[in-house]
C-alpha atoms as a PDB file:
ATOM      1  CA  MET A   1     103.551  24.781-182.093  1.00  0.00           C
ATOM      2  CA  ALA A   2     103.750  21.931-179.277  1.00  0.00           C
ATOM      3  CA  LYS A   3     105.263  18.482-179.861  1.00  0.00           C
ATOM      4  CA  ASN A   4     101.809  16.851-180.028  1.00  0.00           C
ATOM      5  CA  GLU A   5     100.084  19.545-182.308  1.00  0.00           C
ATOM      6  CA  LYS A   6     103.033  18.433-184.639  1.00  0.00           C
ATOM      7  CA  GLU A   7     102.513  14.761-184.427  1.00  0.00           C
ATOM      8  CA  LEU A   8      98.462  15.118-184.824  1.00  0.00           C
ATOM      9  CA  GLU A   9      99.040  17.001-188.049  1.00  0.00           C
ATOM     10  CA  GLU A  10     101.733  14.697-189.187  1.00  0.00           C
ATOM     11  CA  ILE A  11      99.135  11.629-189.307  1.00  0.00           C
ATOM     12  CA  SER A  12      97.870  11.214-193.001  1.00  0.00           C
ATOM     13  CA  THR A  13      95.687   9.162-194.881  1.00  0.00           C
ATOM     14  CA  THR A  14      97.930   6.926-195.685  1.00  0.00           C
ATOM     15  CA  ASP A  15      98.779   6.060-191.660  1.00  0.00           C
ATOM     16  CA  LYS A  16      94.941   5.443-191.150  1.00  0.00           C
ATOM     17  CA  LEU A  17      94.269   3.286-194.312  1.00  0.00           C
ATOM     18  CA  LYS A  18      97.462   1.138-192.953  1.00  0.00           C
ATOM     19  CA  ALA A  19      95.321   1.053-189.553  1.00  0.00           C
ATOM     20  CA  PHE A  20      92.303  -0.393-190.744  1.00  0.00           C
ATOM     21  CA  LYS A  21      94.063  -2.648-193.500  1.00  0.00           C
ATOM     22  CA  THR A  22      96.229  -4.561-190.569  1.00  0.00           C
ATOM     23  CA  LEU A  23      92.604  -4.120-187.605  1.00  0.00           C
ATOM     24  CA  LYS A  24      91.036  -5.949-191.094  1.00  0.00           C
ATOM     25  CA  ASP A  25      93.593  -8.499-191.508  1.00  0.00           C
ATOM     26  CA  SER A  26      93.371  -9.249-187.858  1.00  0.00           C
ATOM     27  CA  GLY A  27      89.520 -10.402-188.021  1.00  0.00           C
ATOM     28  CA  LEU A  28      87.959  -7.659-186.718  1.00  0.00           C
ATOM     29  CA  ARG A  29      85.207  -5.831-188.275  1.00  0.00           C
ATOM     30  CA  VAL A  30      86.303  -2.211-189.324  1.00  0.00           C
ATOM     31  CA  GLU A  31      84.710   0.626-190.952  1.00  0.00           C
ATOM     32  CA  PHE A  32      85.092   4.061-191.567  1.00  0.00           C
ATOM     33  CA  ASN A  33      82.992   6.504-190.212  1.00  0.00           C
ATOM     34  CA  GLY A  34      82.203  10.007-191.769  1.00  0.00           C
ATOM     35  CA  SER A  35      85.941  11.848-190.413  1.00  0.00           C
ATOM     36  CA  GLY A  36      87.829   8.858-191.662  1.00  0.00           C
ATOM     37  CA  VAL A  37      88.599   7.604-188.305  1.00  0.00           C
ATOM     38  CA  PRO A  38      88.550   3.786-188.548  1.00  0.00           C
ATOM     39  CA  THR A  39      86.331   2.347-186.483  1.00  0.00           C
ATOM     40  CA  VAL A  40      86.113  -1.332-184.714  1.00  0.00           C
ATOM     41  CA  ILE A  41      82.360  -2.929-184.485  1.00  0.00           C
ATOM     42  CA  CYS A  42      82.859  -5.695-181.995  1.00  0.00           C
ATOM     43  CA  ALA A  43      80.151  -8.504-181.141  1.00  0.00           C
ATOM     44  CA  GLY A  44      78.414  -6.768-178.176  1.00  0.00           C
ATOM     45  CA  ALA A  45      78.813  -3.904-175.384  1.00  0.00           C
ATOM     46  CA  ASP A  46      79.901  -6.577-173.289  1.00  0.00           C
ATOM     47  CA  GLU A  47      82.674  -7.309-175.252  1.00  0.00           C
ATOM     48  CA  ILE A  48      83.917  -3.386-176.072  1.00  0.00           C
ATOM     49  CA  ASP A  49      86.661  -3.456-173.563  1.00  0.00           C
ATOM     50  CA  LYS A  50      88.454  -7.011-174.830  1.00  0.00           C
ATOM     51  CA  THR A  51      88.173  -5.449-177.976  1.00  0.00           C
ATOM     52  CA  LEU A  52      89.384  -1.663-177.150  1.00  0.00           C
ATOM     53  CA  LYS A  53      92.934  -3.376-175.790  1.00  0.00           C
ATOM     54  CA  ASN A  54      93.264  -5.774-178.355  1.00  0.00           C
ATOM     55  CA  VAL A  55      92.747  -3.097-181.131  1.00  0.00           C
ATOM     56  CA  LYS A  56      95.340  -0.556-179.132  1.00  0.00           C
ATOM     57  CA  LYS A  57      98.040  -3.785-179.151  1.00  0.00           C
ATOM     58  CA  LEU A  58      97.442  -3.946-182.696  1.00  0.00           C
ATOM     59  CA  LEU A  59      97.924  -0.353-183.448  1.00  0.00           C
ATOM     60  CA  LYS A  60     101.010   0.246-180.901  1.00  0.00           C
ATOM     61  CA  GLU A  61     102.696  -2.670-183.205  1.00  0.00           C
ATOM     62  CA  ILE A  62     102.692  -0.323-186.234  1.00  0.00           C
ATOM     63  CA  ARG A  63     103.102   2.711-184.055  1.00  0.00           C
ATOM     64  CA  TYR A  64      99.860   4.423-185.147  1.00  0.00           C
ATOM     65  CA  THR A  65      99.108   7.112-183.118  1.00  0.00           C
ATOM     66  CA  GLY A  66      95.933   8.758-184.406  1.00  0.00           C
ATOM     67  CA  SER A  67      92.372   8.803-183.508  1.00  0.00           C
ATOM     68  CA  PHE A  68      90.166   5.159-183.728  1.00  0.00           C
ATOM     69  CA  GLY A  69      87.215   4.024-182.676  1.00  0.00           C
ATOM     70  CA  VAL A  70      84.831   1.070-180.834  1.00  0.00           C
ATOM     71  CA  ARG A  71      81.212   0.598-180.627  1.00  0.00           C
ATOM     72  CA  ALA A  72      79.239  -1.926-180.338  1.00  0.00           C
ATOM     73  CA  PRO A  73      76.792  -3.074-183.574  1.00  0.00           C
ATOM     74  CA  ARG A  74      73.466  -0.536-183.990  1.00  0.00           C
ATOM     75  CA  LYS A  75      70.329  -1.859-184.901  1.00  0.00           C
ATOM     76  CA  THR A  76      70.552  -0.638-188.005  1.00  0.00           C
ATOM     77  CA  ASP A  77      73.604  -2.662-188.796  1.00  0.00           C
ATOM     78  CA  MET A  78      72.176  -6.249-187.916  1.00  0.00           C
ATOM     79  CA  ILE A  79      68.893  -4.787-189.633  1.00  0.00           C
ATOM     80  CA  GLY A  80      70.700  -4.439-192.997  1.00  0.00           C
ATOM     81  CA  THR A  81      72.291  -7.542-192.575  1.00  0.00           C
ATOM     82  CA  GLU A  82      69.712  -9.463-192.200  1.00  0.00           C
ATOM     83  CA  GLU A  83      67.610  -8.293-194.904  1.00  0.00           C
ATOM     84  CA  THR A  84      70.713  -8.525-196.947  1.00  0.00           C
ATOM     85  CA  SER A  85      70.904 -11.905-196.200  1.00  0.00           C
ATOM     86  CA  GLU A  86      67.071 -12.641-196.735  1.00  0.00           C
ATOM     87  CA  VAL A  87      67.324 -10.669-200.034  1.00  0.00           C
ATOM     88  CA  SER A  88      69.973 -12.200-201.634  1.00  0.00           C
ATOM     89  CA  GLU A  89      68.416 -15.351-200.676  1.00  0.00           C
ATOM     90  CA  GLU A  90      65.174 -14.227-202.693  1.00  0.00           C
ATOM     91  CA  LEU A  91      67.056 -13.138-205.454  1.00  0.00           C
ATOM     92  CA  THR A  92      68.914 -16.499-205.646  1.00  0.00           C
ATOM     93  CA  GLU A  93      65.943 -18.511-205.898  1.00  0.00           C
ATOM     94  CA  LYS A  94      63.777 -16.603-208.060  1.00  0.00           C
ATOM     95  CA  ASN A  95      67.630 -16.743-210.988  1.00  0.00           C
ATOM     96  CA  GLU A  96      67.313 -20.635-210.405  1.00  0.00           C
ATOM     97  CA  GLU A  97      63.397 -20.195-210.665  1.00  0.00           C
ATOM     98  CA  ILE A  98      63.791 -18.630-214.076  1.00  0.00           C
ATOM     99  CA  GLU A  99      67.067 -20.349-215.760  1.00  0.00           C
ATOM    100  CA  THR A 100      64.460 -23.178-215.226  1.00  0.00           C
ATOM    101  CA  LEU A 101      61.642 -21.760-217.089  1.00  0.00           C
ATOM    102  CA  THR A 102      64.426 -20.532-219.986  1.00  0.00           C
ATOM    103  CA  ALA A 103      65.633 -24.097-220.176  1.00  0.00           C
END
């Protein structure tokens, strides 16, 4: 078995969680994709290169050698965020109306 293959097999879920936590603690927006790879979502497509450099630096500091990703936000990410905040505002208003009526 080659040295590189052995190193890749030794990357555990704990390492991925540690990388996820480190990236999250640094203020980045992070998610796990379907395969459990920590993925950073940057503000826009034009910021991917800058974000990638920062992510590599952070992961190098914790000696993480596993896979990671950097991507721009999807349209569905933006829609979900906007809809969620609108729904939250509507629910808050309705709760306030109910409280007023019951008081």
